[in-house]
Amino acid sequence: MMSEENIKETEQNTENTQQSEESTENSQAKVETQETEASVEEAKELDPLTDVQQKLDSLTDQYLRTVAEFENYKKRTRKEKAELIENGGERSISAILPIIDDFERALDDNTEDPKAIKEGMELIFKKFMKSLEGLGVKKIETEDADFNTDFHEAIAMVPGMGDDKKGKIIDCVLTGYTLNNKVIRHAKVAVGQ
């Protein structure tokens, strides 16, 4: 049989073995914990980089879309401008065509009555002026107006008209017109001196 000493020795060896195993397990656990902590720290370091990369990708995509949208806007604007230039006179021509029709009817008419011809011409003229006004064209008024270089061009100075006519328009030689308040032809006038 085993003696008490052998039993004690065996128990002590078993205890030492258990302590040794526990120590080894603790060491392995510490190593695993340290590795896990290192992985977490690396992940934390990578997360800001990942976040920054995602933000950069998002902003780059947004920038490229904005640039493409702006390029499309420029192309569309150029196309619209070209169409306006090409077809800009369409409205004007459409307004004048009925007047051309009136002239054709007047020419086809065999009336020899000068009074009827004059009345017809006056009607056509009024219709034409009304069409021009619809397009934004207005006659520059000169009757009893002060001379204004913004609207009038003096082609003659008339002396001896008296102080009340000095600087006033005496006669309009050629009517001036504005288009949407911009002078397209100055009125040619004679001015009192």
N, C-alpha and C. Protein backbone atom coordinates (compact mmCIF):
# COMPACT_ATOMS: atom_id res chain seq x y z
N MET A 1 0.78 -1.17 0.00
CA MET A 1 0.00 0.00 0.00
C MET A 1 0.82 1.24 0.00
N MET A 2 0.11 2.10 -0.30
CA MET A 2 0.84 3.35 -0.40
C MET A 2 0.94 3.95 0.98
N SER A 3 2.00 4.47 1.12
CA SER A 3 2.20 5.10 2.40
C SER A 3 1.64 6.50 2.38
N GLU A 4 1.55 7.01 3.56
CA GLU A 4 0.99 8.35 3.70
C GLU A 4 1.86 9.36 3.01
N GLU A 5 3.11 9.11 3.01
CA GLU A 5 4.02 10.05 2.35
C GLU A 5 3.77 10.06 0.85
N ASN A 6 3.56 8.90 0.31
CA ASN A 6 3.32 8.82 -1.13
C ASN A 6 2.00 9.52 -1.48
N ILE A 7 1.04 9.36 -0.61
CA ILE A 7 -0.26 9.98 -0.88
C ILE A 7 -0.12 11.49 -0.82
N LYS A 8 0.59 11.96 0.18
CA LYS A 8 0.79 13.40 0.30
C LYS A 8 1.56 13.92 -0.89
N GLU A 9 2.56 13.15 -1.29
CA GLU A 9 3.38 13.57 -2.42
C GLU A 9 2.55 13.59 -3.70
N THR A 10 1.69 12.64 -3.86
CA THR A 10 0.84 12.58 -5.04
C THR A 10 -0.15 13.73 -5.03
N GLU A 11 -0.70 14.00 -3.86
CA GLU A 11 -1.64 15.12 -3.75
C GLU A 11 -0.94 16.44 -4.06
N GLN A 12 0.29 16.55 -3.56
CA GLN A 12 1.04 17.78 -3.80
C GLN A 12 1.37 17.90 -5.28
N ASN A 13 1.74 16.82 -5.91
CA ASN A 13 2.04 16.85 -7.35
C ASN A 13 0.79 17.21 -8.14
N THR A 14 -0.34 16.66 -7.72
CA THR A 14 -1.59 16.96 -8.40
C THR A 14 -1.92 18.44 -8.24
N GLU A 15 -1.72 18.92 -7.01
CA GLU A 15 -1.99 20.34 -6.74
C GLU A 15 -1.06 21.22 -7.56
N ASN A 16 0.21 20.85 -7.63
CA ASN A 16 1.18 21.62 -8.42
C ASN A 16 0.81 21.59 -9.91
N THR A 17 0.35 20.45 -10.36
CA THR A 17 -0.04 20.32 -11.76
C THR A 17 -1.25 21.21 -12.04
N GLN A 18 -2.20 21.20 -11.12
CA GLN A 18 -3.39 22.04 -11.30
C GLN A 18 -3.01 23.52 -11.30
N GLN A 19 -2.11 23.89 -10.37
CA GLN A 19 -1.66 25.28 -10.32
C GLN A 19 -0.92 25.64 -11.60
N SER A 20 -0.12 24.71 -12.08
CA SER A 20 0.63 24.95 -13.30
C SER A 20 -0.32 25.10 -14.49
N GLU A 21 -1.36 24.26 -14.53
CA GLU A 21 -2.35 24.35 -15.61
C GLU A 21 -3.12 25.67 -15.53
N GLU A 22 -3.51 26.03 -14.28
CA GLU A 22 -4.22 27.30 -14.10
C GLU A 22 -3.35 28.46 -14.50
N SER A 23 -2.08 28.39 -14.15
CA SER A 23 -1.14 29.46 -14.51
C SER A 23 -1.01 29.55 -16.02
N THR A 24 -0.94 28.40 -16.68
CA THR A 24 -0.84 28.38 -18.13
C THR A 24 -2.12 28.94 -18.75
N GLU A 25 -3.27 28.53 -18.21
CA GLU A 25 -4.54 29.04 -18.73
C GLU A 25 -4.64 30.54 -18.52
N ASN A 26 -4.22 31.00 -17.35
CA ASN A 26 -4.24 32.45 -17.07
C ASN A 26 -3.33 33.19 -18.03
N SER A 27 -2.17 32.63 -18.29
CA SER A 27 -1.23 33.26 -19.22
C SER A 27 -1.83 33.32 -20.62
N GLN A 28 -2.46 32.22 -21.03
CA GLN A 28 -3.09 32.19 -22.36
C GLN A 28 -4.24 33.19 -22.42
N ALA A 29 -5.02 33.26 -21.34
CA ALA A 29 -6.14 34.20 -21.30
C ALA A 29 -5.63 35.63 -21.38
N LYS A 30 -4.52 35.91 -20.66
CA LYS A 30 -3.95 37.25 -20.70
C LYS A 30 -3.47 37.59 -22.11
N VAL A 31 -2.83 36.62 -22.76
CA VAL A 31 -2.34 36.83 -24.12
C VAL A 31 -3.52 37.08 -25.06
N GLU A 32 -4.58 36.27 -24.93
CA GLU A 32 -5.76 36.45 -25.78
C GLU A 32 -6.41 37.80 -25.52
N THR A 33 -6.49 38.20 -24.25
CA THR A 33 -7.07 39.50 -23.90
C THR A 33 -6.25 40.63 -24.50
N GLN A 34 -4.93 40.50 -24.41
CA GLN A 34 -4.06 41.53 -24.98
C GLN A 34 -4.22 41.58 -26.49
N GLU A 35 -4.32 40.41 -27.13
CA GLU A 35 -4.51 40.37 -28.59
C GLU A 35 -5.85 41.00 -28.97
N THR A 36 -6.89 40.69 -28.20
CA THR A 36 -8.22 41.25 -28.46
C THR A 36 -8.20 42.76 -28.30
N GLU A 37 -7.55 43.24 -27.23
CA GLU A 37 -7.45 44.68 -27.01
C GLU A 37 -6.69 45.35 -28.15
N ALA A 38 -5.63 44.69 -28.62
CA ALA A 38 -4.85 45.23 -29.74
C ALA A 38 -5.71 45.28 -31.00
N SER A 39 -6.52 44.26 -31.23
CA SER A 39 -7.41 44.23 -32.39
C SER A 39 -8.44 45.35 -32.31
N VAL A 40 -8.98 45.56 -31.11
CA VAL A 40 -9.97 46.62 -30.92
C VAL A 40 -9.34 47.99 -31.18
N GLU A 41 -8.11 48.18 -30.67
CA GLU A 41 -7.41 49.45 -30.90
C GLU A 41 -7.14 49.65 -32.39
N GLU A 42 -6.72 48.59 -33.09
CA GLU A 42 -6.48 48.69 -34.53
C GLU A 42 -7.78 49.02 -35.26
N ALA A 43 -8.86 48.39 -34.84
CA ALA A 43 -10.16 48.64 -35.46
C ALA A 43 -10.58 50.09 -35.23
N LYS A 44 -10.31 50.59 -34.01
CA LYS A 44 -10.64 51.99 -33.73
C LYS A 44 -9.82 52.93 -34.60
N GLU A 45 -8.55 52.56 -34.81
CA GLU A 45 -7.70 53.37 -35.68
C GLU A 45 -8.18 53.29 -37.13
N LEU A 46 -8.65 52.14 -37.56
CA LEU A 46 -9.12 51.97 -38.93
C LEU A 46 -10.48 52.63 -39.14
N ASP A 47 -11.34 52.64 -38.14
CA ASP A 47 -12.67 53.24 -38.28
C ASP A 47 -12.61 54.70 -38.68
N PRO A 48 -11.78 55.55 -38.06
CA PRO A 48 -11.72 56.94 -38.54
C PRO A 48 -11.25 57.01 -39.99
N LEU A 49 -10.31 56.16 -40.36
CA LEU A 49 -9.86 56.15 -41.75
C LEU A 49 -10.98 55.70 -42.67
N THR A 50 -11.73 54.70 -42.23
CA THR A 50 -12.85 54.22 -43.02
C THR A 50 -13.91 55.30 -43.14
N ASP A 51 -14.19 55.98 -42.02
CA ASP A 51 -15.17 57.07 -42.04
C ASP A 51 -14.74 58.17 -42.99
N VAL A 52 -13.49 58.54 -42.90
CA VAL A 52 -12.96 59.61 -43.77
C VAL A 52 -13.03 59.17 -45.23
N GLN A 53 -12.70 57.91 -45.50
CA GLN A 53 -12.75 57.41 -46.88
C GLN A 53 -14.18 57.43 -47.41
N GLN A 54 -15.14 57.02 -46.57
CA GLN A 54 -16.54 57.03 -46.99
C GLN A 54 -17.01 58.46 -47.26
N LYS A 55 -16.64 59.38 -46.39
CA LYS A 55 -17.02 60.79 -46.60
C LYS A 55 -16.39 61.33 -47.87
N LEU A 56 -15.13 60.98 -48.09
CA LEU A 56 -14.44 61.42 -49.30
C LEU A 56 -15.13 60.87 -50.54
N ASP A 57 -15.48 59.59 -50.51
CA ASP A 57 -16.18 58.98 -51.64
C ASP A 57 -17.51 59.66 -51.89
N SER A 58 -18.23 59.95 -50.81
CA SER A 58 -19.54 60.60 -50.93
C SER A 58 -19.40 62.00 -51.53
N LEU A 59 -18.44 62.77 -51.02
CA LEU A 59 -18.24 64.13 -51.53
C LEU A 59 -17.74 64.12 -52.97
N THR A 60 -16.89 63.16 -53.31
CA THR A 60 -16.41 63.05 -54.69
C THR A 60 -17.57 62.75 -55.62
N ASP A 61 -18.43 61.83 -55.23
CA ASP A 61 -19.61 61.50 -56.03
C ASP A 61 -20.51 62.72 -56.19
N GLN A 62 -20.74 63.42 -55.10
CA GLN A 62 -21.59 64.62 -55.15
C GLN A 62 -20.97 65.68 -56.07
N TYR A 63 -19.66 65.86 -55.98
CA TYR A 63 -18.96 66.83 -56.83
C TYR A 63 -19.10 66.45 -58.31
N LEU A 64 -18.89 65.18 -58.62
CA LEU A 64 -18.98 64.74 -60.02
C LEU A 64 -20.39 64.92 -60.56
N ARG A 65 -21.39 64.64 -59.74
CA ARG A 65 -22.78 64.83 -60.17
C ARG A 65 -23.07 66.31 -60.41
N THR A 66 -22.57 67.16 -59.53
CA THR A 66 -22.79 68.61 -59.68
C THR A 66 -22.12 69.13 -60.94
N VAL A 67 -20.91 68.68 -61.21
CA VAL A 67 -20.20 69.10 -62.42
C VAL A 67 -20.96 68.64 -63.66
N ALA A 68 -21.44 67.41 -63.65
CA ALA A 68 -22.20 66.89 -64.80
C ALA A 68 -23.49 67.67 -64.98
N GLU A 69 -24.15 67.97 -63.88
CA GLU A 69 -25.40 68.74 -63.95
C GLU A 69 -25.15 70.14 -64.51
N PHE A 70 -24.04 70.77 -64.10
CA PHE A 70 -23.70 72.10 -64.59
C PHE A 70 -23.37 72.06 -66.09
N GLU A 71 -22.65 71.03 -66.51
CA GLU A 71 -22.33 70.89 -67.94
C GLU A 71 -23.61 70.73 -68.75
N ASN A 72 -24.55 69.94 -68.25
CA ASN A 72 -25.84 69.78 -68.94
C ASN A 72 -26.59 71.10 -69.00
N TYR A 73 -26.53 71.87 -67.93
CA TYR A 73 -27.18 73.19 -67.89
C TYR A 73 -26.57 74.11 -68.95
N LYS A 74 -25.23 74.11 -69.05
CA LYS A 74 -24.58 74.97 -70.05
C LYS A 74 -24.98 74.56 -71.47
N LYS A 75 -25.02 73.24 -71.73
CA LYS A 75 -25.42 72.77 -73.06
C LYS A 75 -26.86 73.18 -73.37
N ARG A 76 -27.74 73.01 -72.39
CA ARG A 76 -29.15 73.35 -72.59
C ARG A 76 -29.31 74.86 -72.84
N THR A 77 -28.56 75.67 -72.10
CA THR A 77 -28.62 77.12 -72.26
C THR A 77 -28.12 77.53 -73.64
N ARG A 78 -27.01 76.93 -74.07
CA ARG A 78 -26.48 77.23 -75.41
C ARG A 78 -27.50 76.87 -76.49
N LYS A 79 -28.14 75.72 -76.33
CA LYS A 79 -29.13 75.28 -77.31
C LYS A 79 -30.32 76.24 -77.35
N GLU A 80 -30.81 76.64 -76.17
CA GLU A 80 -31.94 77.57 -76.11
C GLU A 80 -31.57 78.91 -76.73
N LYS A 81 -30.34 79.37 -76.48
CA LYS A 81 -29.90 80.65 -77.05
C LYS A 81 -29.83 80.56 -78.57
N ALA A 82 -29.31 79.45 -79.07
CA ALA A 82 -29.23 79.27 -80.53
C ALA A 82 -30.63 79.24 -81.14
N GLU A 83 -31.57 78.58 -80.46
CA GLU A 83 -32.95 78.55 -80.96
C GLU A 83 -33.58 79.94 -80.95
N LEU A 84 -33.30 80.71 -79.90
CA LEU A 84 -33.84 82.08 -79.84
C LEU A 84 -33.29 82.93 -80.97
N ILE A 85 -32.00 82.79 -81.23
CA ILE A 85 -31.40 83.57 -82.32
C ILE A 85 -31.99 83.14 -83.66
N GLU A 86 -32.12 81.84 -83.84
CA GLU A 86 -32.63 81.31 -85.10
C GLU A 86 -34.09 81.67 -85.32
N ASN A 87 -34.89 81.59 -84.25
CA ASN A 87 -36.32 81.81 -84.39
C ASN A 87 -36.79 83.11 -83.74
N GLY A 88 -35.88 83.98 -83.38
CA GLY A 88 -36.23 85.21 -82.68
C GLY A 88 -37.15 86.12 -83.46
N GLY A 89 -37.03 86.15 -84.76
CA GLY A 89 -37.85 87.02 -85.58
C GLY A 89 -39.23 86.44 -85.88
N GLU A 90 -39.49 85.23 -85.43
CA GLU A 90 -40.75 84.57 -85.74
C GLU A 90 -41.95 85.38 -85.25
N ARG A 91 -41.87 85.88 -84.03
CA ARG A 91 -42.98 86.66 -83.47
C ARG A 91 -43.19 87.94 -84.28
N SER A 92 -42.09 88.59 -84.65
CA SER A 92 -42.18 89.83 -85.43
C SER A 92 -42.80 89.58 -86.80
N ILE A 93 -42.33 88.54 -87.45
CA ILE A 93 -42.85 88.22 -88.78
C ILE A 93 -44.32 87.85 -88.70
N SER A 94 -44.69 87.09 -87.67
CA SER A 94 -46.10 86.71 -87.50
C SER A 94 -46.99 87.93 -87.33
N ALA A 95 -46.47 88.96 -86.67
CA ALA A 95 -47.26 90.18 -86.47
C ALA A 95 -47.38 91.00 -87.76
N ILE A 96 -46.39 90.89 -88.63
CA ILE A 96 -46.37 91.69 -89.86
C ILE A 96 -47.14 91.02 -91.00
N LEU A 97 -47.24 89.71 -90.99
CA LEU A 97 -47.90 89.00 -92.10
C LEU A 97 -49.33 89.49 -92.39
N PRO A 98 -50.17 89.76 -91.39
CA PRO A 98 -51.51 90.27 -91.72
C PRO A 98 -51.47 91.63 -92.44
N ILE A 99 -50.46 92.42 -92.15
CA ILE A 99 -50.33 93.72 -92.81
C ILE A 99 -49.93 93.53 -94.27
N ILE A 100 -49.06 92.56 -94.51
CA ILE A 100 -48.68 92.24 -95.89
C ILE A 100 -49.92 91.79 -96.66
N ASP A 101 -50.76 90.99 -96.00
CA ASP A 101 -52.01 90.55 -96.64
C ASP A 101 -52.88 91.76 -97.02
N ASP A 102 -52.95 92.75 -96.12
CA ASP A 102 -53.73 93.96 -96.40
C ASP A 102 -53.16 94.72 -97.60
N PHE A 103 -51.83 94.81 -97.67
CA PHE A 103 -51.21 95.48 -98.82
C PHE A 103 -51.53 94.73 -100.11
N GLU A 104 -51.47 93.41 -100.08
CA GLU A 104 -51.79 92.63 -101.28
C GLU A 104 -53.23 92.85 -101.72
N ARG A 105 -54.16 92.89 -100.78
CA ARG A 105 -55.56 93.16 -101.13
C ARG A 105 -55.71 94.56 -101.71
N ALA A 106 -54.99 95.52 -101.13
CA ALA A 106 -55.08 96.90 -101.64
C ALA A 106 -54.54 96.99 -103.06
N LEU A 107 -53.45 96.28 -103.33
CA LEU A 107 -52.88 96.30 -104.68
C LEU A 107 -53.78 95.60 -105.69
N ASP A 108 -54.47 94.56 -105.25
CA ASP A 108 -55.37 93.83 -106.15
C ASP A 108 -56.65 94.61 -106.44
N ASP A 109 -56.98 95.55 -105.57
CA ASP A 109 -58.21 96.34 -105.74
C ASP A 109 -58.01 97.33 -106.89
N ASN A 110 -59.00 97.45 -107.74
CA ASN A 110 -58.90 98.32 -108.91
C ASN A 110 -59.53 99.69 -108.69
N THR A 111 -59.71 100.09 -107.46
CA THR A 111 -60.33 101.38 -107.17
C THR A 111 -59.42 102.50 -107.64
N GLU A 112 -60.06 103.48 -108.29
CA GLU A 112 -59.30 104.63 -108.76
C GLU A 112 -59.61 105.86 -107.93
N ASP A 113 -60.42 105.68 -106.90
CA ASP A 113 -60.80 106.79 -106.04
C ASP A 113 -59.64 107.08 -105.07
N PRO A 114 -58.99 108.26 -105.21
CA PRO A 114 -57.85 108.60 -104.36
C PRO A 114 -58.22 108.64 -102.87
N LYS A 115 -59.44 109.08 -102.58
CA LYS A 115 -59.86 109.16 -101.18
C LYS A 115 -59.94 107.75 -100.57
N ALA A 116 -60.46 106.78 -101.29
CA ALA A 116 -60.56 105.40 -100.81
C ALA A 116 -59.17 104.79 -100.64
N ILE A 117 -58.28 105.10 -101.57
CA ILE A 117 -56.91 104.57 -101.49
C ILE A 117 -56.22 105.13 -100.25
N LYS A 118 -56.39 106.45 -100.01
CA LYS A 118 -55.77 107.08 -98.85
C LYS A 118 -56.33 106.48 -97.55
N GLU A 119 -57.64 106.30 -97.48
CA GLU A 119 -58.25 105.70 -96.28
C GLU A 119 -57.72 104.29 -96.04
N GLY A 120 -57.59 103.53 -97.12
CA GLY A 120 -57.06 102.16 -97.01
C GLY A 120 -55.62 102.16 -96.49
N MET A 121 -54.81 103.09 -97.01
CA MET A 121 -53.41 103.19 -96.57
C MET A 121 -53.35 103.60 -95.09
N GLU A 122 -54.22 104.52 -94.68
CA GLU A 122 -54.24 104.95 -93.27
C GLU A 122 -54.63 103.79 -92.35
N LEU A 123 -55.59 102.98 -92.78
CA LEU A 123 -56.00 101.83 -91.98
C LEU A 123 -54.85 100.81 -91.86
N ILE A 124 -54.17 100.58 -92.97
CA ILE A 124 -53.04 99.65 -92.95
C ILE A 124 -51.93 100.19 -92.06
N PHE A 125 -51.67 101.51 -92.15
CA PHE A 125 -50.63 102.13 -91.32
C PHE A 125 -50.98 102.00 -89.83
N LYS A 126 -52.23 102.28 -89.46
CA LYS A 126 -52.65 102.16 -88.06
C LYS A 126 -52.51 100.72 -87.57
N LYS A 127 -52.89 99.78 -88.42
CA LYS A 127 -52.77 98.37 -88.05
C LYS A 127 -51.30 97.98 -87.86
N PHE A 128 -50.46 98.51 -88.73
CA PHE A 128 -49.02 98.23 -88.65
C PHE A 128 -48.43 98.81 -87.36
N MET A 129 -48.79 100.05 -87.03
CA MET A 129 -48.28 100.69 -85.81
C MET A 129 -48.77 99.93 -84.56
N LYS A 130 -50.01 99.47 -84.60
CA LYS A 130 -50.55 98.71 -83.47
C LYS A 130 -49.78 97.39 -83.31
N SER A 131 -49.45 96.75 -84.42
CA SER A 131 -48.66 95.50 -84.37
C SER A 131 -47.28 95.76 -83.79
N LEU A 132 -46.66 96.87 -84.22
CA LEU A 132 -45.34 97.21 -83.69
C LEU A 132 -45.40 97.49 -82.18
N GLU A 133 -46.45 98.19 -81.76
CA GLU A 133 -46.61 98.46 -80.32
C GLU A 133 -46.75 97.15 -79.54
N GLY A 134 -47.43 96.19 -80.14
CA GLY A 134 -47.55 94.88 -79.50
C GLY A 134 -46.21 94.17 -79.36
N LEU A 135 -45.27 94.52 -80.21
CA LEU A 135 -43.92 93.95 -80.14
C LEU A 135 -42.99 94.77 -79.24
N GLY A 136 -43.51 95.88 -78.69
CA GLY A 136 -42.69 96.71 -77.80
C GLY A 136 -42.09 97.92 -78.48
N VAL A 137 -42.47 98.20 -79.73
CA VAL A 137 -41.93 99.35 -80.45
C VAL A 137 -42.85 100.55 -80.20
N LYS A 138 -42.24 101.67 -79.81
CA LYS A 138 -43.01 102.89 -79.57
C LYS A 138 -42.37 104.06 -80.29
N LYS A 139 -43.22 104.98 -80.72
CA LYS A 139 -42.77 106.19 -81.40
C LYS A 139 -42.25 107.17 -80.36
N ILE A 140 -41.13 107.83 -80.65
CA ILE A 140 -40.59 108.85 -79.76
C ILE A 140 -41.35 110.15 -80.03
N GLU A 141 -41.98 110.66 -78.99
CA GLU A 141 -42.76 111.89 -79.12
C GLU A 141 -41.84 113.10 -79.28
N THR A 142 -42.18 113.96 -80.23
CA THR A 142 -41.37 115.15 -80.48
C THR A 142 -42.19 116.44 -80.44
N GLU A 143 -43.49 116.33 -80.53
CA GLU A 143 -44.34 117.51 -80.60
C GLU A 143 -44.30 118.29 -79.29
N ASP A 144 -43.89 119.57 -79.36
CA ASP A 144 -43.76 120.47 -78.20
C ASP A 144 -42.88 119.89 -77.10
N ALA A 145 -41.89 119.10 -77.47
CA ALA A 145 -41.00 118.48 -76.48
C ALA A 145 -39.68 119.24 -76.41
N ASP A 146 -39.04 119.17 -75.25
CA ASP A 146 -37.69 119.73 -75.12
C ASP A 146 -36.72 118.79 -75.82
N PHE A 147 -35.67 119.38 -76.40
CA PHE A 147 -34.65 118.57 -77.06
C PHE A 147 -33.91 117.73 -76.01
N ASN A 148 -33.82 116.43 -76.26
CA ASN A 148 -33.15 115.49 -75.34
C ASN A 148 -32.24 114.60 -76.17
N THR A 149 -30.94 114.69 -75.92
CA THR A 149 -29.98 113.92 -76.73
C THR A 149 -30.13 112.41 -76.56
N ASP A 150 -30.82 111.97 -75.51
CA ASP A 150 -31.05 110.54 -75.34
C ASP A 150 -32.02 109.99 -76.38
N PHE A 151 -32.92 110.87 -76.87
CA PHE A 151 -33.96 110.42 -77.81
C PHE A 151 -33.93 111.14 -79.16
N HIS A 152 -33.29 112.31 -79.21
CA HIS A 152 -33.35 113.14 -80.42
C HIS A 152 -31.96 113.40 -80.98
N GLU A 153 -31.93 113.57 -82.30
CA GLU A 153 -30.70 113.97 -82.99
C GLU A 153 -31.01 115.26 -83.73
N ALA A 154 -30.29 116.33 -83.37
CA ALA A 154 -30.53 117.63 -84.01
C ALA A 154 -29.84 117.64 -85.37
N ILE A 155 -30.63 117.84 -86.42
CA ILE A 155 -30.04 117.93 -87.76
C ILE A 155 -30.09 119.36 -88.28
N ALA A 156 -30.82 120.22 -87.55
CA ALA A 156 -30.88 121.63 -87.95
C ALA A 156 -31.18 122.48 -86.72
N MET A 157 -30.62 123.70 -86.72
CA MET A 157 -30.91 124.69 -85.67
C MET A 157 -31.66 125.82 -86.35
N VAL A 158 -32.81 126.19 -85.78
CA VAL A 158 -33.65 127.23 -86.36
C VAL A 158 -33.52 128.49 -85.51
N PRO A 159 -32.85 129.55 -86.07
CA PRO A 159 -32.66 130.78 -85.30
C PRO A 159 -33.91 131.66 -85.31
N GLY A 160 -33.97 132.59 -84.35
CA GLY A 160 -35.03 133.61 -84.32
C GLY A 160 -36.39 133.08 -83.95
N MET A 161 -36.47 132.04 -83.15
CA MET A 161 -37.77 131.48 -82.80
C MET A 161 -38.32 132.05 -81.50
N GLY A 162 -37.54 132.88 -80.82
CA GLY A 162 -38.00 133.44 -79.55
C GLY A 162 -37.52 132.59 -78.38
N ASP A 163 -37.55 133.21 -77.20
CA ASP A 163 -37.05 132.52 -76.01
C ASP A 163 -37.90 131.32 -75.61
N ASP A 164 -39.19 131.39 -75.87
CA ASP A 164 -40.06 130.27 -75.48
C ASP A 164 -39.81 129.02 -76.33
N LYS A 165 -39.20 129.16 -77.50
CA LYS A 165 -38.92 128.01 -78.39
C LYS A 165 -37.45 127.58 -78.33
N LYS A 166 -36.65 128.29 -77.53
CA LYS A 166 -35.22 127.97 -77.44
C LYS A 166 -35.06 126.60 -76.76
N GLY A 167 -34.35 125.68 -77.42
CA GLY A 167 -34.13 124.33 -76.91
C GLY A 167 -35.31 123.40 -77.10
N LYS A 168 -36.35 123.89 -77.79
CA LYS A 168 -37.54 123.07 -78.05
C LYS A 168 -37.44 122.51 -79.47
N ILE A 169 -38.13 121.40 -79.69
CA ILE A 169 -38.17 120.80 -81.02
C ILE A 169 -39.19 121.57 -81.85
N ILE A 170 -38.73 122.07 -83.00
CA ILE A 170 -39.59 122.83 -83.89
C ILE A 170 -40.25 121.91 -84.91
N ASP A 171 -39.45 120.97 -85.45
CA ASP A 171 -39.97 120.10 -86.50
C ASP A 171 -39.28 118.73 -86.39
N CYS A 172 -40.03 117.69 -86.70
CA CYS A 172 -39.48 116.33 -86.73
C CYS A 172 -39.32 115.93 -88.19
N VAL A 173 -38.08 115.71 -88.60
CA VAL A 173 -37.80 115.34 -89.98
C VAL A 173 -37.94 113.83 -90.17
N LEU A 174 -37.53 113.05 -89.18
CA LEU A 174 -37.62 111.59 -89.25
C LEU A 174 -37.97 111.06 -87.86
N THR A 175 -39.05 110.30 -87.80
CA THR A 175 -39.54 109.79 -86.52
C THR A 175 -38.56 108.78 -85.93
N GLY A 176 -38.40 108.86 -84.61
CA GLY A 176 -37.55 107.91 -83.89
C GLY A 176 -38.40 106.87 -83.17
N TYR A 177 -37.79 105.74 -82.84
CA TYR A 177 -38.52 104.65 -82.20
C TYR A 177 -37.69 104.02 -81.08
N THR A 178 -38.42 103.49 -80.09
CA THR A 178 -37.79 102.70 -79.03
C THR A 178 -38.34 101.28 -79.09
N LEU A 179 -37.53 100.35 -78.66
CA LEU A 179 -37.95 98.95 -78.54
C LEU A 179 -37.74 98.56 -77.09
N ASN A 180 -38.85 98.34 -76.39
CA ASN A 180 -38.79 98.02 -74.95
C ASN A 180 -37.94 99.04 -74.19
N ASN A 181 -38.23 100.32 -74.46
CA ASN A 181 -37.59 101.48 -73.81
C ASN A 181 -36.12 101.67 -74.20
N LYS A 182 -35.63 100.98 -75.20
CA LYS A 182 -34.28 101.20 -75.71
C LYS A 182 -34.40 101.86 -77.07
N VAL A 183 -33.67 102.95 -77.25
CA VAL A 183 -33.75 103.68 -78.52
C VAL A 183 -33.15 102.82 -79.63
N ILE A 184 -33.97 102.58 -80.68
CA ILE A 184 -33.43 101.85 -81.83
C ILE A 184 -33.19 102.80 -83.00
N ARG A 185 -33.83 103.98 -82.95
CA ARG A 185 -33.53 105.04 -83.91
C ARG A 185 -33.90 106.37 -83.27
N HIS A 186 -32.93 107.28 -83.23
CA HIS A 186 -33.19 108.61 -82.68
C HIS A 186 -34.06 109.40 -83.65
N ALA A 187 -34.92 110.24 -83.08
CA ALA A 187 -35.74 111.12 -83.92
C ALA A 187 -34.85 112.24 -84.45
N LYS A 188 -34.90 112.48 -85.76
CA LYS A 188 -34.11 113.55 -86.37
C LYS A 188 -34.99 114.80 -86.37
N VAL A 189 -34.49 115.85 -85.69
CA VAL A 189 -35.34 117.02 -85.45
C VAL A 189 -34.60 118.32 -85.73
N ALA A 190 -35.43 119.37 -85.91
CA ALA A 190 -34.91 120.75 -85.99
C ALA A 190 -35.22 121.39 -84.64
N VAL A 191 -34.21 122.09 -84.10
CA VAL A 191 -34.33 122.64 -82.75
C VAL A 191 -34.27 124.16 -82.81
N GLY A 192 -35.12 124.81 -82.00
CA GLY A 192 -35.12 126.28 -81.93
C GLY A 192 -33.89 126.78 -81.19
N GLN A 193 -33.38 127.97 -81.72
CA GLN A 193 -32.17 128.56 -81.16
C GLN A 193 -32.45 129.82 -80.42
